[in-house]
Amino acid sequence: MSDWNAAQYLRFKEQRTRPAVDLARCAAALCRPQTAVDIGCGPGNSTAVLKRFFPQADILGVDTSPDMLRKAVAAHPELCFRQCDARALTGAYDLLFSNACLQWVPDHAALLPALMARLNPGGLLAVQMPMNGEEPLYRLMDEILARPQWALEDAAPQSNATLTPAAYMDILAEHAASFDLWETKYYHILPGHEALVDWMKGSRLRPYLDRLGPERGALLESEIVRDSKALYPLTRDGQVVLGFRRLFFTAIKS
């Protein structure tokens, strides 16, 4: 599995950080943690958000990507980071926070109860995950990747999926004293169709480009840019608007 590219991910730092701010604001209304973990901390932008909302807390950022962690340590030397998979987390905490990470981890029916078990009594699990598979850009990407010229039929994509809201309600109802679940759709203004590809290169498109190599990868990018023009008309000032739907939930341990 290829590593993440922190620099590419951070090209859209403001847009990617905004859901973390929204989630942290909701968490702050529910808890005052002394210990917290940012699961899937990436380059540390979400961990810095947590520290801003919870300055009294001992906060640890964890991620599986060495490149993301190098960037996080360099950008936020005052914070603590460690390489760790969400499923391997140990210890007990007042807040487990995860922004745009758990969709990469399979088997949520087992994962979420395991995370709830890592909370102290009264602790909070706060999660945000993309739920954007129906956005035209992502449907286009899937259709283009399936074209025979890329020979990606046997490429095993990374897990990148969420359950239905009803399924999460069933899981949380069994393992939490109380919970809340909601959706937000963001509209990101991007500078042209090339930026749509740049956005995806920071996440879902990354493993396919790594497999194709620079030359064929550039051809794939050009094809997505070309076909996206019919789906995303330019605004009057020459930009495009990308819709992005995200699922949020908070759950309190009894």
C-alpha atoms as a PDB file:
ATOM      1  CA  MET A   1       0.000   0.000   0.000  1.00  0.00           C
ATOM      2  CA  SER A   2       1.418   3.397  -0.973  1.00  0.00           C
ATOM      3  CA  ASP A   3       1.986   6.114   1.580  1.00  0.00           C
ATOM      4  CA  TRP A   4      -0.016   9.316   1.693  1.00  0.00           C
ATOM      5  CA  ASN A   5       1.421  12.553   0.330  1.00  0.00           C
ATOM      6  CA  ALA A   6       1.037  15.220   3.009  1.00  0.00           C
ATOM      7  CA  ALA A   7       1.947  18.102   0.696  1.00  0.00           C
ATOM      8  CA  GLN A   8      -0.742  17.103  -1.830  1.00  0.00           C
ATOM      9  CA  TYR A   9      -3.309  16.668   0.934  1.00  0.00           C
ATOM     10  CA  LEU A  10      -2.574  20.108   2.358  1.00  0.00           C
ATOM     11  CA  ARG A  11      -3.139  21.878  -0.960  1.00  0.00           C
ATOM     12  CA  PHE A  12      -6.710  22.198   0.275  1.00  0.00           C
ATOM     13  CA  LYS A  13      -5.924  22.603   3.968  1.00  0.00           C
ATOM     14  CA  GLU A  14      -8.669  25.120   4.714  1.00  0.00           C
ATOM     15  CA  GLN A  15     -11.414  23.043   3.100  1.00  0.00           C
ATOM     16  CA  ARG A  16     -10.220  19.788   4.692  1.00  0.00           C
ATOM     17  CA  THR A  17      -9.876  21.360   8.137  1.00  0.00           C
ATOM     18  CA  ARG A  18     -13.286  23.014   8.291  1.00  0.00           C
ATOM     19  CA  PRO A  19     -15.182  19.775   9.136  1.00  0.00           C
ATOM     20  CA  ALA A  20     -12.673  19.123  11.935  1.00  0.00           C
ATOM     21  CA  VAL A  21     -13.479  22.539  13.377  1.00  0.00           C
ATOM     22  CA  ASP A  22     -17.203  21.852  13.146  1.00  0.00           C
ATOM     23  CA  LEU A  23     -16.790  18.462  14.825  1.00  0.00           C
ATOM     24  CA  ALA A  24     -14.559  19.858  17.576  1.00  0.00           C
ATOM     25  CA  ARG A  25     -17.089  22.600  18.278  1.00  0.00           C
ATOM     26  CA  CYS A  26     -19.781  19.980  18.792  1.00  0.00           C
ATOM     27  CA  ALA A  27     -17.468  17.929  21.006  1.00  0.00           C
ATOM     28  CA  ALA A  28     -16.704  20.984  23.132  1.00  0.00           C
ATOM     29  CA  ALA A  29     -20.397  21.312  23.954  1.00  0.00           C
ATOM     30  CA  LEU A  30     -20.417  17.749  25.299  1.00  0.00           C
ATOM     31  CA  CYS A  31     -17.146  17.200  27.171  1.00  0.00           C
ATOM     32  CA  ARG A  32     -14.106  18.749  28.840  1.00  0.00           C
ATOM     33  CA  PRO A  33     -11.506  16.030  28.281  1.00  0.00           C
ATOM     34  CA  GLN A  34      -8.241  15.652  30.118  1.00  0.00           C
ATOM     35  CA  THR A  35      -7.019  13.016  27.635  1.00  0.00           C
ATOM     36  CA  ALA A  36      -7.803  12.837  23.921  1.00  0.00           C
ATOM     37  CA  VAL A  37      -6.662  11.030  20.783  1.00  0.00           C
ATOM     38  CA  ASP A  38      -6.932  12.378  17.249  1.00  0.00           C
ATOM     39  CA  ILE A  39      -7.359   9.181  15.202  1.00  0.00           C
ATOM     40  CA  GLY A  40      -6.080   9.638  11.675  1.00  0.00           C
ATOM     41  CA  CYS A  41      -4.393  12.925  12.515  1.00  0.00           C
ATOM     42  CA  GLY A  42      -2.819  13.268   9.045  1.00  0.00           C
ATOM     43  CA  PRO A  43      -0.457  16.261   8.856  1.00  0.00           C
ATOM     44  CA  GLY A  44      -1.604  17.492  12.274  1.00  0.00           C
ATOM     45  CA  ASN A  45      -4.126  20.118  11.201  1.00  0.00           C
ATOM     46  CA  SER A  46      -6.990  18.410  13.050  1.00  0.00           C
ATOM     47  CA  THR A  47      -4.805  17.810  16.123  1.00  0.00           C
ATOM     48  CA  ALA A  48      -4.042  21.534  16.248  1.00  0.00           C
ATOM     49  CA  VAL A  49      -7.791  22.202  16.079  1.00  0.00           C
ATOM     50  CA  LEU A  50      -8.326  19.899  19.071  1.00  0.00           C
ATOM     51  CA  LYS A  51      -5.638  21.685  21.081  1.00  0.00           C
ATOM     52  CA  ARG A  52      -7.278  25.014  20.325  1.00  0.00           C
ATOM     53  CA  PHE A  53     -10.634  23.792  21.609  1.00  0.00           C
ATOM     54  CA  PHE A  54      -9.202  21.771  24.522  1.00  0.00           C
ATOM     55  CA  PRO A  55      -6.013  23.539  25.685  1.00  0.00           C
ATOM     56  CA  GLN A  56      -6.149  21.748  29.038  1.00  0.00           C
ATOM     57  CA  ALA A  57      -6.107  18.276  27.493  1.00  0.00           C
ATOM     58  CA  ASP A  58      -3.231  15.882  26.930  1.00  0.00           C
ATOM     59  CA  ILE A  59      -3.717  15.192  23.204  1.00  0.00           C
ATOM     60  CA  LEU A  60      -2.109  12.483  21.077  1.00  0.00           C
ATOM     61  CA  GLY A  61      -2.320  12.373  17.285  1.00  0.00           C
ATOM     62  CA  VAL A  62      -2.061   8.932  15.661  1.00  0.00           C
ATOM     63  CA  ASP A  63      -1.838   7.933  12.012  1.00  0.00           C
ATOM     64  CA  THR A  64      -0.508   5.048   9.918  1.00  0.00           C
ATOM     65  CA  SER A  65       1.252   7.255   7.327  1.00  0.00           C
ATOM     66  CA  PRO A  66       4.942   8.056   7.930  1.00  0.00           C
ATOM     67  CA  ASP A  67       4.793  11.026   5.538  1.00  0.00           C
ATOM     68  CA  MET A  68       1.769  12.498   7.277  1.00  0.00           C
ATOM     69  CA  LEU A  69       3.412  12.079  10.670  1.00  0.00           C
ATOM     70  CA  ARG A  70       6.666  13.693   9.509  1.00  0.00           C
ATOM     71  CA  LYS A  71       4.670  16.697   8.359  1.00  0.00           C
ATOM     72  CA  ALA A  72       2.676  16.781  11.592  1.00  0.00           C
ATOM     73  CA  VAL A  73       5.796  16.717  13.798  1.00  0.00           C
ATOM     74  CA  ALA A  74       7.484  19.418  11.722  1.00  0.00           C
ATOM     75  CA  ALA A  75       4.422  21.682  11.660  1.00  0.00           C
ATOM     76  CA  HIS A  76       3.349  21.159  15.284  1.00  0.00           C
ATOM     77  CA  PRO A  77       6.408  20.328  17.433  1.00  0.00           C
ATOM     78  CA  GLU A  78       4.473  21.276  20.562  1.00  0.00           C
ATOM     79  CA  LEU A  79       2.063  18.357  20.037  1.00  0.00           C
ATOM     80  CA  CYS A  80       2.537  14.600  20.426  1.00  0.00           C
ATOM     81  CA  PHE A  81       2.207  12.147  17.527  1.00  0.00           C
ATOM     82  CA  ARG A  82       2.641   8.404  17.134  1.00  0.00           C
ATOM     83  CA  GLN A  83       2.315   5.876  14.328  1.00  0.00           C
ATOM     84  CA  CYS A  84      -0.641   3.657  15.180  1.00  0.00           C
ATOM     85  CA  ASP A  85      -3.598   2.002  13.490  1.00  0.00           C
ATOM     86  CA  ALA A  86      -7.058   2.863  14.817  1.00  0.00           C
ATOM     87  CA  ARG A  87      -7.653  -0.824  15.543  1.00  0.00           C
ATOM     88  CA  ALA A  88      -4.466  -1.074  17.639  1.00  0.00           C
ATOM     89  CA  LEU A  89      -5.206   1.802  19.994  1.00  0.00           C
ATOM     90  CA  THR A  90      -4.615   1.000  23.669  1.00  0.00           C
ATOM     91  CA  GLY A  91      -5.324   2.855  26.882  1.00  0.00           C
ATOM     92  CA  ALA A  92      -8.397   4.761  28.064  1.00  0.00           C
ATOM     93  CA  TYR A  93      -9.335   8.331  27.117  1.00  0.00           C
ATOM     94  CA  ASP A  94     -11.943  11.008  27.663  1.00  0.00           C
ATOM     95  CA  LEU A  95     -12.241  11.893  23.964  1.00  0.00           C
ATOM     96  CA  LEU A  96     -11.617   9.909  20.798  1.00  0.00           C
ATOM     97  CA  PHE A  97     -11.821  12.237  17.795  1.00  0.00           C
ATOM     98  CA  SER A  98     -11.587  11.233  14.149  1.00  0.00           C
ATOM     99  CA  ASN A  99     -11.930  13.542  11.169  1.00  0.00           C
ATOM    100  CA  ALA A 100     -12.119  11.942   7.686  1.00  0.00           C
ATOM    101  CA  CYS A 101     -10.260   8.775   8.661  1.00  0.00           C
ATOM    102  CA  LEU A 102     -12.480   5.877   9.686  1.00  0.00           C
ATOM    103  CA  GLN A 103     -13.877   5.399   6.174  1.00  0.00           C
ATOM    104  CA  TRP A 104     -10.443   3.904   5.375  1.00  0.00           C
ATOM    105  CA  VAL A 105     -10.817   1.307   8.160  1.00  0.00           C
ATOM    106  CA  PRO A 106     -12.993  -1.746   7.377  1.00  0.00           C
ATOM    107  CA  ASP A 107     -15.629  -3.459   9.538  1.00  0.00           C
ATOM    108  CA  HIS A 108     -17.235  -0.577  11.396  1.00  0.00           C
ATOM    109  CA  ALA A 109     -19.562  -2.981  13.201  1.00  0.00           C
ATOM    110  CA  ALA A 110     -16.468  -4.205  15.095  1.00  0.00           C
ATOM    111  CA  LEU A 111     -14.421  -0.989  14.999  1.00  0.00           C
ATOM    112  CA  LEU A 112     -16.861   1.359  16.712  1.00  0.00           C
ATOM    113  CA  PRO A 113     -17.534  -0.887  19.736  1.00  0.00           C
ATOM    114  CA  ALA A 114     -13.761  -1.347  20.087  1.00  0.00           C
ATOM    115  CA  LEU A 115     -13.278   2.418  20.117  1.00  0.00           C
ATOM    116  CA  MET A 116     -16.090   2.893  22.633  1.00  0.00           C
ATOM    117  CA  ALA A 117     -14.276   0.386  24.857  1.00  0.00           C
ATOM    118  CA  ARG A 118     -11.229   2.690  24.859  1.00  0.00           C
ATOM    119  CA  LEU A 119     -13.262   5.524  26.444  1.00  0.00           C
ATOM    120  CA  ASN A 120     -13.440   6.335  30.125  1.00  0.00           C
ATOM    121  CA  PRO A 121     -16.970   6.401  31.621  1.00  0.00           C
ATOM    122  CA  GLY A 122     -18.684   9.495  30.259  1.00  0.00           C
ATOM    123  CA  GLY A 123     -16.105   9.747  27.469  1.00  0.00           C
ATOM    124  CA  LEU A 124     -16.980  10.900  23.973  1.00  0.00           C
ATOM    125  CA  LEU A 125     -16.422   9.409  20.534  1.00  0.00           C
ATOM    126  CA  ALA A 126     -16.647  12.131  17.851  1.00  0.00           C
ATOM    127  CA  VAL A 127     -16.414  11.105  14.193  1.00  0.00           C
ATOM    128  CA  GLN A 128     -16.692  12.698  10.752  1.00  0.00           C
ATOM    129  CA  MET A 129     -16.501  10.666   7.554  1.00  0.00           C
ATOM    130  CA  PRO A 130     -16.993  11.586   3.886  1.00  0.00           C
ATOM    131  CA  MET A 131     -20.174  10.164   2.389  1.00  0.00           C
ATOM    132  CA  ASN A 132     -19.734  11.571  -1.100  1.00  0.00           C
ATOM    133  CA  GLY A 133     -19.918   8.627  -3.468  1.00  0.00           C
ATOM    134  CA  GLU A 134     -22.909  10.082  -5.325  1.00  0.00           C
ATOM    135  CA  GLU A 135     -21.137  13.341  -6.182  1.00  0.00           C
ATOM    136  CA  PRO A 136     -20.725  13.499 -10.000  1.00  0.00           C
ATOM    137  CA  LEU A 137     -16.929  13.838  -9.735  1.00  0.00           C
ATOM    138  CA  TYR A 138     -16.560  10.582  -7.805  1.00  0.00           C
ATOM    139  CA  ARG A 139     -18.973   8.704 -10.030  1.00  0.00           C
ATOM    140  CA  LEU A 140     -16.978   9.960 -13.031  1.00  0.00           C
ATOM    141  CA  MET A 141     -13.712   8.828 -11.446  1.00  0.00           C
ATOM    142  CA  ASP A 142     -15.089   5.318 -10.881  1.00  0.00           C
ATOM    143  CA  GLU A 143     -16.364   5.139 -14.465  1.00  0.00           C
ATOM    144  CA  ILE A 144     -13.041   6.279 -15.940  1.00  0.00           C
ATOM    145  CA  LEU A 145     -10.998   3.917 -13.760  1.00  0.00           C
ATOM    146  CA  ALA A 146     -13.104   1.021 -15.080  1.00  0.00           C
ATOM    147  CA  ARG A 147     -12.171   1.773 -18.710  1.00  0.00           C
ATOM    148  CA  PRO A 148     -10.042  -1.030 -20.196  1.00  0.00           C
ATOM    149  CA  GLN A 149      -7.094   1.117 -21.259  1.00  0.00           C
ATOM    150  CA  TRP A 150      -6.002   1.541 -17.622  1.00  0.00           C
ATOM    151  CA  ALA A 151      -5.943  -2.219 -16.918  1.00  0.00           C
ATOM    152  CA  LEU A 152      -6.995  -1.687 -13.321  1.00  0.00           C
ATOM    153  CA  GLU A 153      -9.466  -4.566 -13.160  1.00  0.00           C
ATOM    154  CA  ASP A 154      -7.396  -6.408 -10.561  1.00  0.00           C
ATOM    155  CA  ALA A 155      -6.488  -3.301  -8.564  1.00  0.00           C
ATOM    156  CA  ALA A 156      -7.796  -3.748  -5.052  1.00  0.00           C
ATOM    157  CA  PRO A 157      -8.872  -0.305  -3.862  1.00  0.00           C
ATOM    158  CA  GLN A 158      -8.363   0.701  -0.277  1.00  0.00           C
ATOM    159  CA  SER A 159     -11.455   0.427   1.886  1.00  0.00           C
ATOM    160  CA  ASN A 160     -13.280   3.724   1.521  1.00  0.00           C
ATOM    161  CA  ALA A 161     -16.878   3.273   2.493  1.00  0.00           C
ATOM    162  CA  THR A 162     -19.420   4.095   5.139  1.00  0.00           C
ATOM    163  CA  LEU A 163     -22.459   2.238   6.367  1.00  0.00           C
ATOM    164  CA  THR A 164     -25.936   3.718   6.174  1.00  0.00           C
ATOM    165  CA  PRO A 165     -26.946   6.221   8.860  1.00  0.00           C
ATOM    166  CA  ALA A 166     -29.456   3.660  10.134  1.00  0.00           C
ATOM    167  CA  ALA A 167     -26.673   1.086  10.569  1.00  0.00           C
ATOM    168  CA  TYR A 168     -24.612   3.541  12.617  1.00  0.00           C
ATOM    169  CA  MET A 169     -27.661   4.303  14.741  1.00  0.00           C
ATOM    170  CA  ASP A 170     -28.033   0.591  15.485  1.00  0.00           C
ATOM    171  CA  ILE A 171     -24.354   0.245  16.448  1.00  0.00           C
ATOM    172  CA  LEU A 172     -24.305   3.357  18.616  1.00  0.00           C
ATOM    173  CA  ALA A 173     -27.596   2.559  20.326  1.00  0.00           C
ATOM    174  CA  GLU A 174     -26.107  -0.723  21.546  1.00  0.00           C
ATOM    175  CA  HIS A 175     -22.799   0.688  22.772  1.00  0.00           C
ATOM    176  CA  ALA A 176     -23.444   4.297  23.848  1.00  0.00           C
ATOM    177  CA  ALA A 177     -25.496   5.906  26.592  1.00  0.00           C
ATOM    178  CA  SER A 178     -26.528   8.613  24.118  1.00  0.00           C
ATOM    179  CA  PHE A 179     -25.578   9.649  20.618  1.00  0.00           C
ATOM    180  CA  ASP A 180     -26.289  12.150  17.877  1.00  0.00           C
ATOM    181  CA  LEU A 181     -25.880  11.751  14.108  1.00  0.00           C
ATOM    182  CA  TRP A 182     -26.155  14.307  11.295  1.00  0.00           C
ATOM    183  CA  GLU A 183     -24.978  15.241   7.808  1.00  0.00           C
ATOM    184  CA  THR A 184     -23.475  18.404   6.378  1.00  0.00           C
ATOM    185  CA  LYS A 185     -22.891  19.119   2.705  1.00  0.00           C
ATOM    186  CA  TYR A 186     -20.062  21.551   2.030  1.00  0.00           C
ATOM    187  CA  TYR A 187     -19.621  23.464  -1.220  1.00  0.00           C
ATOM    188  CA  HIS A 188     -15.946  24.010  -2.003  1.00  0.00           C
ATOM    189  CA  ILE A 189     -15.008  26.682  -4.513  1.00  0.00           C
ATOM    190  CA  LEU A 190     -12.003  25.430  -6.493  1.00  0.00           C
ATOM    191  CA  PRO A 191      -9.930  27.224  -9.152  1.00  0.00           C
ATOM    192  CA  GLY A 192     -10.889  25.238 -12.242  1.00  0.00           C
ATOM    193  CA  HIS A 193     -11.254  21.641 -13.389  1.00  0.00           C
ATOM    194  CA  GLU A 194      -7.607  20.744 -12.770  1.00  0.00           C
ATOM    195  CA  ALA A 195      -8.237  21.465  -9.104  1.00  0.00           C
ATOM    196  CA  LEU A 196     -10.914  18.750  -9.037  1.00  0.00           C
ATOM    197  CA  VAL A 197      -8.211  16.215  -9.881  1.00  0.00           C
ATOM    198  CA  ASP A 198      -5.805  17.787  -7.399  1.00  0.00           C
ATOM    199  CA  TRP A 199      -8.466  17.340  -4.716  1.00  0.00           C
ATOM    200  CA  MET A 200      -8.841  13.626  -5.474  1.00  0.00           C
ATOM    201  CA  LYS A 201      -5.079  13.102  -5.732  1.00  0.00           C
ATOM    202  CA  GLY A 202      -4.914  13.889  -2.025  1.00  0.00           C
ATOM    203  CA  SER A 203      -7.136  10.930  -1.162  1.00  0.00           C
ATOM    204  CA  ARG A 204      -9.102   8.449  -3.286  1.00  0.00           C
ATOM    205  CA  LEU A 205      -7.204   8.751  -6.563  1.00  0.00           C
ATOM    206  CA  ARG A 206      -3.756   8.431  -4.971  1.00  0.00           C
ATOM    207  CA  PRO A 207      -3.291   4.603  -5.025  1.00  0.00           C
ATOM    208  CA  TYR A 208      -4.326   4.348  -8.678  1.00  0.00           C
ATOM    209  CA  LEU A 209      -1.881   7.047  -9.767  1.00  0.00           C
ATOM    210  CA  ASP A 210       0.882   5.300  -7.836  1.00  0.00           C
ATOM    211  CA  ARG A 211       0.117   2.083  -9.689  1.00  0.00           C
ATOM    212  CA  LEU A 212      -0.052   3.680 -13.139  1.00  0.00           C
ATOM    213  CA  GLY A 213       3.200   5.638 -12.826  1.00  0.00           C
ATOM    214  CA  PRO A 214       3.901   9.250 -13.882  1.00  0.00           C
ATOM    215  CA  GLU A 215       3.217   9.040 -17.633  1.00  0.00           C
ATOM    216  CA  ARG A 216       0.025   6.977 -17.595  1.00  0.00           C
ATOM    217  CA  GLY A 217      -1.101   8.717 -14.445  1.00  0.00           C
ATOM    218  CA  ALA A 218      -0.867  12.083 -16.234  1.00  0.00           C
ATOM    219  CA  LEU A 219      -3.030  10.680 -19.048  1.00  0.00           C
ATOM    220  CA  LEU A 220      -5.612   9.528 -16.507  1.00  0.00           C
ATOM    221  CA  GLU A 221      -5.656  12.954 -14.897  1.00  0.00           C
ATOM    222  CA  SER A 222      -6.159  14.614 -18.281  1.00  0.00           C
ATOM    223  CA  GLU A 223      -9.092  12.330 -19.025  1.00  0.00           C
ATOM    224  CA  ILE A 224     -10.796  13.185 -15.739  1.00  0.00           C
ATOM    225  CA  VAL A 225     -10.249  16.912 -16.328  1.00  0.00           C
ATOM    226  CA  ARG A 226     -11.674  16.663 -19.839  1.00  0.00           C
ATOM    227  CA  ASP A 227     -14.797  14.725 -18.857  1.00  0.00           C
ATOM    228  CA  SER A 228     -15.426  16.769 -15.699  1.00  0.00           C
ATOM    229  CA  LYS A 229     -16.046  19.901 -17.772  1.00  0.00           C
ATOM    230  CA  ALA A 230     -19.478  18.646 -18.775  1.00  0.00           C
ATOM    231  CA  LEU A 231     -20.400  18.036 -15.133  1.00  0.00           C
ATOM    232  CA  TYR A 232     -18.971  21.184 -13.539  1.00  0.00           C
ATOM    233  CA  PRO A 233     -19.623  24.363 -15.524  1.00  0.00           C
ATOM    234  CA  LEU A 234     -17.369  27.278 -14.714  1.00  0.00           C
ATOM    235  CA  THR A 235     -18.731  30.058 -12.550  1.00  0.00           C
ATOM    236  CA  ARG A 236     -18.622  33.617 -13.851  1.00  0.00           C
ATOM    237  CA  ASP A 237     -15.176  34.094 -12.346  1.00  0.00           C
ATOM    238  CA  GLY A 238     -13.784  30.862 -13.847  1.00  0.00           C
ATOM    239  CA  GLN A 239     -14.048  28.558 -10.830  1.00  0.00           C
ATOM    240  CA  VAL A 240     -15.914  25.317 -10.109  1.00  0.00           C
ATOM    241  CA  VAL A 241     -18.043  24.294  -7.143  1.00  0.00           C
ATOM    242  CA  LEU A 242     -17.483  20.821  -5.655  1.00  0.00           C
ATOM    243  CA  GLY A 243     -20.220  19.482  -3.408  1.00  0.00           C
ATOM    244  CA  PHE A 244     -18.994  17.362  -0.512  1.00  0.00           C
ATOM    245  CA  ARG A 245     -21.352  15.465   1.783  1.00  0.00           C
ATOM    246  CA  ARG A 246     -20.060  14.380   5.204  1.00  0.00           C
ATOM    247  CA  LEU A 247     -21.528  12.269   7.988  1.00  0.00           C
ATOM    248  CA  PHE A 248     -20.955  13.243  11.637  1.00  0.00           C
ATOM    249  CA  PHE A 249     -21.768  11.494  14.882  1.00  0.00           C
ATOM    250  CA  THR A 250     -21.013  11.811  18.574  1.00  0.00           C
ATOM    251  CA  ALA A 251     -21.505   9.049  21.139  1.00  0.00           C
ATOM    252  CA  ILE A 252     -21.147   9.192  24.924  1.00  0.00           C
ATOM    253  CA  LYS A 253     -20.082   6.153  26.908  1.00  0.00           C
ATOM    254  CA  SER A 254     -22.230   5.311  29.939  1.00  0.00           C
END
